[in-house]
Amino acid sequence: MTVTSYRKWFNKSDEVLEPLRKLCDNRRDWLEDVDSDEALVLCNDPDALSILYRHTKQDVETKIEKYISMNEGAKLHEDANAMRNQAAKKMQNWNQCRNGSRARKANTDVQRTLSFLGEFLKSFTGVADIVRAADQTFGGLAYGTLMLLVTTAVNKQSREDAIEEAMEELALAFPRLETIQRLEPNDILRRLIVEVFEHSVCFCRETITYFSKRSRRLKDAMSPSPLKINTLSRLRRTLLEIRKECDIMMIQMISKQGIELQGMKQQLDDMERTGADTNFRIKRADSHFRRVDSRDKASCLEKIKNLLALKRSDGLDSAPVIVAYKTSLLREFADHRRKNRVPRNMSLKALYSEPSFLNWQAGARSSILLLGGNNFKDDSSIQYNWLSLASILMAEDMEDSATIVSLFCQTEYTPPRMRRRRFPDVIRHLIYQLAEQHQQALKDSLEDISRIMEALDKNNGNQDESIEYIFELLIPILGEFDNGSDIRLVIDRLDQCFWHDDRNTEQHSLDRLFGSLLQLMQATSLSKLRIKILLVMDEDPARKLANKFTWAKDRRRLDYKVDWHQEADDD
């Protein structure tokens, strides 16, 4: 414990320290009255006197340990002499044993006194350090006096039970340093600490005087009354007052802390109630916002559905369409054995083994994958295409982070030509699915949707013009998506749409649409997005598109496999 930790107790100029200044001033005069060899030497040697009052606690402890060691050695030596002479004459041996017993008792008394002095020093240190913080001179006064006490007591080897008991009692009575550290000092406690310090120094002086003056020792030895030291009773009373004052302050501190803890408990209870109420309010507000958002979204989708002229029967929800279409495909292509050959069906394993698919999927740029092929030759009458299962698998296998739009242009086995899905209907479903997944983008585009749909109704089936209108609308809608968004479009059997009354113009319309999709991939405003489009169709239209748009392959905007025919394994 450093001295600086007691600065809050005293200042050097405090009036309460005046009695200690007087003790410092008369320390030489008092020493001249002490009848001992040590005091005589100190009085005649100014340097030795100066050194005495510069001693520290560690110096006193070292002195006590030295005397304990010396007395233990003397005790062992005299025990050895007693055992060595035990074989001599009986009376002589008996006298030697008796003398040895007295020596052992004297040495035991020295050790006991030194032990009590050590305990006294430890307990007194707490008070001494507090006062020494005000002026280092007081520390020298205390520890110098203790050093002289140790030297005088040991050299005289005269111990009195009253002094020993007093030291033992005082060692237990001194306030514990830990207790004082927790207390904020008041005037009463500061005054009592100074009194204890003063009385302790005076008690040590009176004890030294007792040990050094032969006449007083003889008088006390002849008197049956207990040893009287003037300062001892005052010191006991002061220590008792300090203990009581410390107890009172500790009780007050505990009471204060109890009140503070009660206040903290009340605050915690209030916070718990407030927190529960706040949590309830947040949940209620969140539920309200969800209901409002749900109603707002439903209202927006209803407006878009009306603008797009869509009906509930048009299969607006893609999930049941995917399930029904997949069931039909699996039923049509299941167990189609031809003699000793079994046709293969499309699977994820086959899809992820195809290099063109892997290149398309891994590419960082927006691009199109075009798949084309025919069914096993003996099943060529089947109107479904075996590659359509790839569209189903991709629509089901897309990761959750992607925005997925799937369009299936032929979900019936053999629809009449006039009942095929028209291209504008396909685009209407595309816009509606985008609206479901990005409501705000469609909110901002309601006016554009209304304008484009009105223009489509008035263009009298002009496919080129319709395609221009559609992409004029798609680019700003897709541009509303966040940077880095992953958008997947799965369009199955686009070649089966009803494009025009004139069959000869169907391939031209398909070419025109495909070229517009490639332009969409290269739009500067959509470069922040990763748009991946999968197109599945029959071999012939797919091959024509691949041959016409070879430039897109070179620019890594197009991957294709247009001869992916259904193969069969030997049974």
Foldseek 3Di string as FASTA:
>chain_A
DDLVLLVLQDALPDPLLVLLVVCLVCVLVLLVPAQDPVSVVCNVDVVNVVVLLLDALVVLVVLLVVLLVVLVVVLVVLVVVLVVCCPDDPVVNVVSVVVNVVSNVLSVVLNLQSVLLNLLSVLCVLLQSNVCSNPVSSRSLVRSLSSLLNVLCSVLSDDDPVVSVLSNVVSVLRDDNVLVSVFNDDPVLSSLSSLLSSLVSLQSSQSSNCSNDPVNVVVCVPDPDDDDDPSSVVNVVSSVVNVVVSVVRVVVVVVVVVVVVVVVVVVVVVVVVVVVVVVVVVVVVVVVVVVVVVVVLVVLLVLLCVLLVHDPVPCLPCVVLLVLLVVVLCVVQPPPDDDQKHWDADDPVVQVVDPLNVLQVPDPAAAEEEEAAAEDVVVRVWQDGRCVVVLSCCQVPDDPQALEAEAEQDSDGDDPLVPTAAPSVRLSSRVSSLCVVPVVLVVVCSVLSNVLSVVVVPPVQPLLVNLVSSLVSVLSSLLVDDFAHEYEYEYEAPLSHNRDPDPVCSLVSVLSNVVSVLVSSVDPSCRRYHYYYYYYHYLPSSVVNCVVPVVCVVVVRYGYDSHPYTDIDGD
